[in-house]
Structure formats: C-alpha cells, structure tokens
Amino acid sequence: MKNQIPDKVKKERVEALMLAQQDVAFALADEAIGRKFDVLVDERIEEGVVRGRHQGQAPGVDSACIIESCDSNPGDFV
C-alpha cells in the first residue's frame, strides 16, 4: 500500500499497545488472587504441584493456574 508509516513507528506503536494490554492483564490477574475457581488439571509439574486452567483461560493463549499441595491427575477438576 502507498503512504505506509515507517516500520520503526509501527514497531513502537505495537510495543506501546502490548505494554498497555500487559497492564490490563496484570491488573485482572491481581484481582483473581484469593478467589476460588473450578480448575481443570492439565498436567503435574512435580510432586504435589499441578498446572491447570479455569473456564476463562484458553489453553496455549492465556496464563495458567498453578496449584500447590494438590495430588490430582490431568483431567480432574479441583
């Protein structure tokens, strides 16, 4: 396309947007601390520690829930 802005400006704008989005994501994550969710266990990380996701977390896209002192298996809801 004609009249494109320079690549440097494009990259600066993308970075600014990503930083703003990161602030929103971190604020939402902070609000979730201490709340209870039904979590589907995806994997055992180590003995007594599992990783899973709640209904608002898409696999491979969003953050994950790390649950300590948990001996559940993948596929279990906790």
PDB file of N, CA and C in Angstrom:
ATOM      1  N   MET A   1       0.833  -1.190   0.000  1.00  0.00           N
ATOM      2  CA  MET A   1       0.000   0.000   0.000  1.00  0.00           C
ATOM      3  C   MET A   1       0.873   1.247   0.000  1.00  0.00           C
ATOM      4  N   LYS A   2       0.351   2.274  -0.567  1.00  0.00           N
ATOM      5  CA  LYS A   2       1.075   3.537  -0.605  1.00  0.00           C
ATOM      6  C   LYS A   2       0.970   4.248   0.741  1.00  0.00           C
ATOM      7  N   ASN A   3       1.894   5.149   0.962  1.00  0.00           N
ATOM      8  CA  ASN A   3       1.872   6.048   2.123  1.00  0.00           C
ATOM      9  C   ASN A   3       1.891   5.313   3.455  1.00  0.00           C
ATOM     10  N   GLN A   4       2.642   4.233   3.551  1.00  0.00           N
ATOM     11  CA  GLN A   4       2.782   3.492   4.804  1.00  0.00           C
ATOM     12  C   GLN A   4       3.680   4.267   5.763  1.00  0.00           C
ATOM     13  N   ILE A   5       3.396   4.146   7.042  1.00  0.00           N
ATOM     14  CA  ILE A   5       4.284   4.746   8.029  1.00  0.00           C
ATOM     15  C   ILE A   5       5.540   3.890   8.143  1.00  0.00           C
ATOM     16  N   PRO A   6       6.638   4.459   8.623  1.00  0.00           N
ATOM     17  CA  PRO A   6       7.877   3.681   8.719  1.00  0.00           C
ATOM     18  C   PRO A   6       7.733   2.480   9.659  1.00  0.00           C
ATOM     19  N   ASP A   7       8.501   1.427   9.375  1.00  0.00           N
ATOM     20  CA  ASP A   7       8.468   0.218  10.203  1.00  0.00           C
ATOM     21  C   ASP A   7       8.805   0.528  11.660  1.00  0.00           C
ATOM     22  N   LYS A   8       9.732   1.450  11.876  1.00  0.00           N
ATOM     23  CA  LYS A   8      10.110   1.817  13.247  1.00  0.00           C
ATOM     24  C   LYS A   8       8.897   2.344  14.009  1.00  0.00           C
ATOM     25  N   VAL A   9       8.094   3.169  13.374  1.00  0.00           N
ATOM     26  CA  VAL A   9       6.896   3.720  14.017  1.00  0.00           C
ATOM     27  C   VAL A   9       5.885   2.597  14.285  1.00  0.00           C
ATOM     28  N   LYS A  10       5.741   1.686  13.339  1.00  0.00           N
ATOM     29  CA  LYS A  10       4.833   0.555  13.529  1.00  0.00           C
ATOM     30  C   LYS A  10       5.245  -0.258  14.756  1.00  0.00           C
ATOM     31  N   LYS A  11       6.540  -0.543  14.850  1.00  0.00           N
ATOM     32  CA  LYS A  11       7.037  -1.334  15.977  1.00  0.00           C
ATOM     33  C   LYS A  11       6.839  -0.600  17.298  1.00  0.00           C
ATOM     34  N   GLU A  12       7.074   0.701  17.318  1.00  0.00           N
ATOM     35  CA  GLU A  12       6.865   1.486  18.539  1.00  0.00           C
ATOM     36  C   GLU A  12       5.402   1.450  18.971  1.00  0.00           C
ATOM     37  N   ARG A  13       4.500   1.542  18.013  1.00  0.00           N
ATOM     38  CA  ARG A  13       3.071   1.522  18.330  1.00  0.00           C
ATOM     39  C   ARG A  13       2.632   0.149  18.854  1.00  0.00           C
ATOM     40  N   VAL A  14       3.140  -0.900  18.227  1.00  0.00           N
ATOM     41  CA  VAL A  14       2.815  -2.250  18.692  1.00  0.00           C
ATOM     42  C   VAL A  14       3.322  -2.440  20.115  1.00  0.00           C
ATOM     43  N   GLU A  15       4.543  -1.993  20.384  1.00  0.00           N
ATOM     44  CA  GLU A  15       5.103  -2.130  21.728  1.00  0.00           C
ATOM     45  C   GLU A  15       4.277  -1.359  22.752  1.00  0.00           C
ATOM     46  N   ALA A  16       3.853  -0.153  22.407  1.00  0.00           N
ATOM     47  CA  ALA A  16       3.032   0.644  23.325  1.00  0.00           C
ATOM     48  C   ALA A  16       1.705  -0.054  23.612  1.00  0.00           C
ATOM     49  N   LEU A  17       1.093  -0.623  22.574  1.00  0.00           N
ATOM     50  CA  LEU A  17      -0.165  -1.350  22.765  1.00  0.00           C
ATOM     51  C   LEU A  17       0.024  -2.587  23.624  1.00  0.00           C
ATOM     52  N   MET A  18       1.096  -3.325  23.386  1.00  0.00           N
ATOM     53  CA  MET A  18       1.358  -4.537  24.166  1.00  0.00           C
ATOM     54  C   MET A  18       1.608  -4.208  25.638  1.00  0.00           C
ATOM     55  N   LEU A  19       2.308  -3.114  25.909  1.00  0.00           N
ATOM     56  CA  LEU A  19       2.542  -2.713  27.300  1.00  0.00           C
ATOM     57  C   LEU A  19       1.236  -2.312  27.984  1.00  0.00           C
ATOM     58  N   ALA A  20       0.372  -1.614  27.252  1.00  0.00           N
ATOM     59  CA  ALA A  20      -0.927  -1.239  27.816  1.00  0.00           C
ATOM     60  C   ALA A  20      -1.764  -2.480  28.093  1.00  0.00           C
ATOM     61  N   GLN A  21      -1.757  -3.433  27.171  1.00  0.00           N
ATOM     62  CA  GLN A  21      -2.506  -4.676  27.346  1.00  0.00           C
ATOM     63  C   GLN A  21      -1.943  -5.459  28.522  1.00  0.00           C
ATOM     64  N   GLN A  22      -0.632  -5.440  28.689  1.00  0.00           N
ATOM     65  CA  GLN A  22       0.003  -6.157  29.791  1.00  0.00           C
ATOM     66  C   GLN A  22      -0.447  -5.579  31.134  1.00  0.00           C
ATOM     67  N   ASP A  23      -0.558  -4.263  31.216  1.00  0.00           N
ATOM     68  CA  ASP A  23      -1.046  -3.633  32.449  1.00  0.00           C
ATOM     69  C   ASP A  23      -2.454  -4.121  32.787  1.00  0.00           C
ATOM     70  N   VAL A  24      -3.306  -4.201  31.778  1.00  0.00           N
ATOM     71  CA  VAL A  24      -4.680  -4.682  31.990  1.00  0.00           C
ATOM     72  C   VAL A  24      -4.660  -6.140  32.440  1.00  0.00           C
ATOM     73  N   ALA A  25      -3.870  -6.973  31.775  1.00  0.00           N
ATOM     74  CA  ALA A  25      -3.807  -8.395  32.115  1.00  0.00           C
ATOM     75  C   ALA A  25      -3.300  -8.595  33.539  1.00  0.00           C
ATOM     76  N   PHE A  26      -2.267  -7.857  33.933  1.00  0.00           N
ATOM     77  CA  PHE A  26      -1.727  -7.988  35.288  1.00  0.00           C
ATOM     78  C   PHE A  26      -2.743  -7.523  36.327  1.00  0.00           C
ATOM     79  N   ALA A  27      -3.478  -6.457  36.033  1.00  0.00           N
ATOM     80  CA  ALA A  27      -4.497  -5.966  36.971  1.00  0.00           C
ATOM     81  C   ALA A  27      -5.593  -7.016  37.153  1.00  0.00           C
ATOM     82  N   LEU A  28      -6.029  -7.634  36.073  1.00  0.00           N
ATOM     83  CA  LEU A  28      -7.059  -8.677  36.168  1.00  0.00           C
ATOM     84  C   LEU A  28      -6.535  -9.884  36.938  1.00  0.00           C
ATOM     85  N   ALA A  29      -5.284 -10.243  36.710  1.00  0.00           N
ATOM     86  CA  ALA A  29      -4.693 -11.372  37.431  1.00  0.00           C
ATOM     87  C   ALA A  29      -4.609 -11.065  38.921  1.00  0.00           C
ATOM     88  N   ASP A  30      -4.244  -9.842  39.274  1.00  0.00           N
ATOM     89  CA  ASP A  30      -4.170  -9.458  40.683  1.00  0.00           C
ATOM     90  C   ASP A  30      -5.542  -9.552  41.347  1.00  0.00           C
ATOM     91  N   GLU A  31      -6.593  -9.195  40.617  1.00  0.00           N
ATOM     92  CA  GLU A  31      -7.950  -9.280  41.164  1.00  0.00           C
ATOM     93  C   GLU A  31      -8.368 -10.722  41.427  1.00  0.00           C
ATOM     94  N   ALA A  32      -7.775 -11.658  40.722  1.00  0.00           N
ATOM     95  CA  ALA A  32      -8.152 -13.068  40.871  1.00  0.00           C
ATOM     96  C   ALA A  32      -7.483 -13.725  42.077  1.00  0.00           C
ATOM     97  N   ILE A  33      -6.459 -13.098  42.634  1.00  0.00           N
ATOM     98  CA  ILE A  33      -5.755 -13.694  43.771  1.00  0.00           C
ATOM     99  C   ILE A  33      -6.718 -13.834  44.944  1.00  0.00           C
ATOM    100  N   GLY A  34      -6.756 -15.037  45.491  1.00  0.00           N
ATOM    101  CA  GLY A  34      -7.621 -15.317  46.631  1.00  0.00           C
ATOM    102  C   GLY A  34      -9.023 -15.778  46.251  1.00  0.00           C
ATOM    103  N   ARG A  35      -9.400 -15.655  44.985  1.00  0.00           N
ATOM    104  CA  ARG A  35     -10.715 -16.129  44.549  1.00  0.00           C
ATOM    105  C   ARG A  35     -10.658 -17.625  44.315  1.00  0.00           C
ATOM    106  N   LYS A  36     -11.808 -18.255  44.329  1.00  0.00           N
ATOM    107  CA  LYS A  36     -11.892 -19.693  44.076  1.00  0.00           C
ATOM    108  C   LYS A  36     -12.461 -19.932  42.687  1.00  0.00           C
ATOM    109  N   PHE A  37     -11.826 -20.860  41.975  1.00  0.00           N
ATOM    110  CA  PHE A  37     -12.246 -21.236  40.629  1.00  0.00           C
ATOM    111  C   PHE A  37     -12.286 -22.760  40.535  1.00  0.00           C
ATOM    112  N   ASP A  38     -13.150 -23.280  39.683  1.00  0.00           N
ATOM    113  CA  ASP A  38     -13.073 -24.687  39.307  1.00  0.00           C
ATOM    114  C   ASP A  38     -12.003 -24.767  38.226  1.00  0.00           C
ATOM    115  N   VAL A  39     -10.983 -25.575  38.469  1.00  0.00           N
ATOM    116  CA  VAL A  39      -9.832 -25.649  37.566  1.00  0.00           C
ATOM    117  C   VAL A  39      -9.693 -27.064  37.021  1.00  0.00           C
ATOM    118  N   LEU A  40      -9.530 -27.174  35.714  1.00  0.00           N
ATOM    119  CA  LEU A  40      -9.246 -28.442  35.059  1.00  0.00           C
ATOM    120  C   LEU A  40      -7.737 -28.650  35.084  1.00  0.00           C
ATOM    121  N   VAL A  41      -7.297 -29.738  35.682  1.00  0.00           N
ATOM    122  CA  VAL A  41      -5.871 -30.025  35.766  1.00  0.00           C
ATOM    123  C   VAL A  41      -5.375 -30.478  34.394  1.00  0.00           C
ATOM    124  N   ASP A  42      -4.336 -29.802  33.899  1.00  0.00           N
ATOM    125  CA  ASP A  42      -3.727 -30.153  32.614  1.00  0.00           C
ATOM    126  C   ASP A  42      -2.521 -31.061  32.786  1.00  0.00           C
ATOM    127  N   GLU A  43      -1.714 -30.783  33.814  1.00  0.00           N
ATOM    128  CA  GLU A  43      -0.502 -31.585  33.988  1.00  0.00           C
ATOM    129  C   GLU A  43       0.049 -31.459  35.397  1.00  0.00           C
ATOM    130  N   ARG A  44       0.794 -32.485  35.767  1.00  0.00           N
ATOM    131  CA  ARG A  44       1.557 -32.441  37.018  1.00  0.00           C
ATOM    132  C   ARG A  44       2.906 -31.828  36.705  1.00  0.00           C
ATOM    133  N   ILE A  45       3.269 -30.812  37.454  1.00  0.00           N
ATOM    134  CA  ILE A  45       4.565 -30.174  37.250  1.00  0.00           C
ATOM    135  C   ILE A  45       5.630 -30.916  38.046  1.00  0.00           C
ATOM    136  N   GLU A  46       5.273 -31.237  39.261  1.00  0.00           N
ATOM    137  CA  GLU A  46       6.142 -32.017  40.146  1.00  0.00           C
ATOM    138  C   GLU A  46       5.251 -32.596  41.227  1.00  0.00           C
ATOM    139  N   GLU A  47       5.827 -33.350  42.119  1.00  0.00           N
ATOM    140  CA  GLU A  47       5.040 -33.974  43.189  1.00  0.00           C
ATOM    141  C   GLU A  47       4.287 -32.902  43.973  1.00  0.00           C
ATOM    142  N   GLY A  48       2.957 -33.007  43.978  1.00  0.00           N
ATOM    143  CA  GLY A  48       2.126 -32.097  44.750  1.00  0.00           C
ATOM    144  C   GLY A  48       1.858 -30.752  44.099  1.00  0.00           C
ATOM    145  N   VAL A  49       2.303 -30.549  42.853  1.00  0.00           N
ATOM    146  CA  VAL A  49       2.087 -29.281  42.154  1.00  0.00           C
ATOM    147  C   VAL A  49       1.529 -29.578  40.764  1.00  0.00           C
ATOM    148  N   VAL A  50       0.389 -28.946  40.444  1.00  0.00           N
ATOM    149  CA  VAL A  50      -0.234 -29.156  39.141  1.00  0.00           C
ATOM    150  C   VAL A  50      -0.475 -27.819  38.448  1.00  0.00           C
ATOM    151  N   ARG A  51      -0.611 -27.910  37.134  1.00  0.00           N
ATOM    152  CA  ARG A  51      -0.967 -26.740  36.322  1.00  0.00           C
ATOM    153  C   ARG A  51      -2.312 -27.030  35.689  1.00  0.00           C
ATOM    154  N   GLY A  52      -3.161 -26.020  35.668  1.00  0.00           N
ATOM    155  CA  GLY A  52      -4.474 -26.188  35.063  1.00  0.00           C
ATOM    156  C   GLY A  52      -5.025 -24.858  34.598  1.00  0.00           C
ATOM    157  N   ARG A  53      -6.308 -24.864  34.262  1.00  0.00           N
ATOM    158  CA  ARG A  53      -6.942 -23.637  33.784  1.00  0.00           C
ATOM    159  C   ARG A  53      -8.409 -23.630  34.169  1.00  0.00           C
ATOM    160  N   HIS A  54      -8.911 -22.421  34.389  1.00  0.00           N
ATOM    161  CA  HIS A  54     -10.336 -22.273  34.682  1.00  0.00           C
ATOM    162  C   HIS A  54     -11.056 -21.894  33.387  1.00  0.00           C
ATOM    163  N   GLN A  55     -12.356 -21.741  33.452  1.00  0.00           N
ATOM    164  CA  GLN A  55     -13.144 -21.539  32.237  1.00  0.00           C
ATOM    165  C   GLN A  55     -12.796 -20.266  31.475  1.00  0.00           C
ATOM    166  N   GLY A  56     -12.136 -19.325  32.120  1.00  0.00           N
ATOM    167  CA  GLY A  56     -11.763 -18.084  31.448  1.00  0.00           C
ATOM    168  C   GLY A  56     -10.374 -18.105  30.848  1.00  0.00           C
ATOM    169  N   GLN A  57      -9.715 -19.236  30.877  1.00  0.00           N
ATOM    170  CA  GLN A  57      -8.350 -19.346  30.365  1.00  0.00           C
ATOM    171  C   GLN A  57      -8.299 -20.308  29.186  1.00  0.00           C
ATOM    172  N   ALA A  58      -7.902 -19.794  28.037  1.00  0.00           N
ATOM    173  CA  ALA A  58      -7.779 -20.643  26.849  1.00  0.00           C
ATOM    174  C   ALA A  58      -6.421 -21.341  26.854  1.00  0.00           C
ATOM    175  N   PRO A  59      -6.397 -22.628  26.532  1.00  0.00           N
ATOM    176  CA  PRO A  59      -5.111 -23.339  26.504  1.00  0.00           C
ATOM    177  C   PRO A  59      -4.186 -22.770  25.428  1.00  0.00           C
ATOM    178  N   GLY A  60      -2.937 -22.571  25.800  1.00  0.00           N
ATOM    179  CA  GLY A  60      -1.950 -22.082  24.856  1.00  0.00           C
ATOM    180  C   GLY A  60      -2.020 -20.598  24.563  1.00  0.00           C
ATOM    181  N   VAL A  61      -2.981 -19.912  25.179  1.00  0.00           N
ATOM    182  CA  VAL A  61      -3.144 -18.478  24.920  1.00  0.00           C
ATOM    183  C   VAL A  61      -3.006 -17.676  26.207  1.00  0.00           C
ATOM    184  N   ASP A  62      -3.776 -18.058  27.209  1.00  0.00           N
ATOM    185  CA  ASP A  62      -3.812 -17.319  28.458  1.00  0.00           C
ATOM    186  C   ASP A  62      -2.848 -17.909  29.487  1.00  0.00           C
ATOM    187  N   SER A  63      -2.775 -17.223  30.608  1.00  0.00           N
ATOM    188  CA  SER A  63      -1.969 -17.721  31.715  1.00  0.00           C
ATOM    189  C   SER A  63      -2.587 -19.013  32.249  1.00  0.00           C
ATOM    190  N   ALA A  64      -1.898 -19.655  33.177  1.00  0.00           N
ATOM    191  CA  ALA A  64      -2.382 -20.901  33.757  1.00  0.00           C
ATOM    192  C   ALA A  64      -2.445 -20.766  35.263  1.00  0.00           C
ATOM    193  N   CYS A  65      -3.162 -21.678  35.901  1.00  0.00           N
ATOM    194  CA  CYS A  65      -3.242 -21.744  37.360  1.00  0.00           C
ATOM    195  C   CYS A  65      -2.224 -22.773  37.845  1.00  0.00           C
ATOM    196  N   ILE A  66      -1.433 -22.380  38.813  1.00  0.00           N
ATOM    197  CA  ILE A  66      -0.500 -23.305  39.457  1.00  0.00           C
ATOM    198  C   ILE A  66      -1.078 -23.603  40.827  1.00  0.00           C
ATOM    199  N   ILE A  67      -1.302 -24.878  41.102  1.00  0.00           N
ATOM    200  CA  ILE A  67      -1.928 -25.284  42.359  1.00  0.00           C
ATOM    201  C   ILE A  67      -0.941 -26.136  43.129  1.00  0.00           C
ATOM    202  N   GLU A  68      -0.620 -25.680  44.324  1.00  0.00           N
ATOM    203  CA  GLU A  68       0.322 -26.406  45.180  1.00  0.00           C
ATOM    204  C   GLU A  68      -0.455 -27.271  46.165  1.00  0.00           C
ATOM    205  N   SER A  69       0.216 -28.245  46.716  1.00  0.00           N
ATOM    206  CA  SER A  69      -0.390 -29.196  47.657  1.00  0.00           C
ATOM    207  C   SER A  69      -1.593 -29.880  47.026  1.00  0.00           C
ATOM    208  N   CYS A  70      -1.420 -30.323  45.798  1.00  0.00           N
ATOM    209  CA  CYS A  70      -2.507 -30.952  45.049  1.00  0.00           C
ATOM    210  C   CYS A  70      -1.974 -32.218  44.386  1.00  0.00           C
ATOM    211  N   ASP A  71      -2.645 -33.338  44.648  1.00  0.00           N
ATOM    212  CA  ASP A  71      -2.233 -34.612  44.061  1.00  0.00           C
ATOM    213  C   ASP A  71      -3.213 -35.099  42.997  1.00  0.00           C
ATOM    214  N   SER A  72      -4.002 -34.184  42.433  1.00  0.00           N
ATOM    215  CA  SER A  72      -4.962 -34.560  41.395  1.00  0.00           C
ATOM    216  C   SER A  72      -4.234 -34.908  40.104  1.00  0.00           C
ATOM    217  N   ASN A  73      -4.945 -35.573  39.215  1.00  0.00           N
ATOM    218  CA  ASN A  73      -4.391 -36.022  37.943  1.00  0.00           C
ATOM    219  C   ASN A  73      -4.933 -35.189  36.804  1.00  0.00           C
ATOM    220  N   PRO A  74      -4.223 -35.156  35.659  1.00  0.00           N
ATOM    221  CA  PRO A  74      -4.741 -34.466  34.493  1.00  0.00           C
ATOM    222  C   PRO A  74      -6.155 -34.973  34.163  1.00  0.00           C
ATOM    223  N   GLY A  75      -7.032 -34.021  33.863  1.00  0.00           N
ATOM    224  CA  GLY A  75      -8.424 -34.346  33.576  1.00  0.00           C
ATOM    225  C   GLY A  75      -9.351 -34.162  34.763  1.00  0.00           C
ATOM    226  N   ASP A  76      -8.782 -34.077  35.969  1.00  0.00           N
ATOM    227  CA  ASP A  76      -9.582 -33.854  37.168  1.00  0.00           C
ATOM    228  C   ASP A  76      -9.931 -32.377  37.311  1.00  0.00           C
ATOM    229  N   PHE A  77     -11.070 -32.128  37.915  1.00  0.00           N
ATOM    230  CA  PHE A  77     -11.445 -30.754  38.299  1.00  0.00           C
ATOM    231  C   PHE A  77     -11.137 -30.599  39.777  1.00  0.00           C
ATOM    232  N   VAL A  78     -10.527 -29.497  40.119  1.00  0.00           N
ATOM    233  CA  VAL A  78     -10.242 -29.200  41.528  1.00  0.00           C
ATOM    234  C   VAL A  78     -10.747 -27.815  41.859  1.00  0.00           C
TER     235      VAL A  78
END
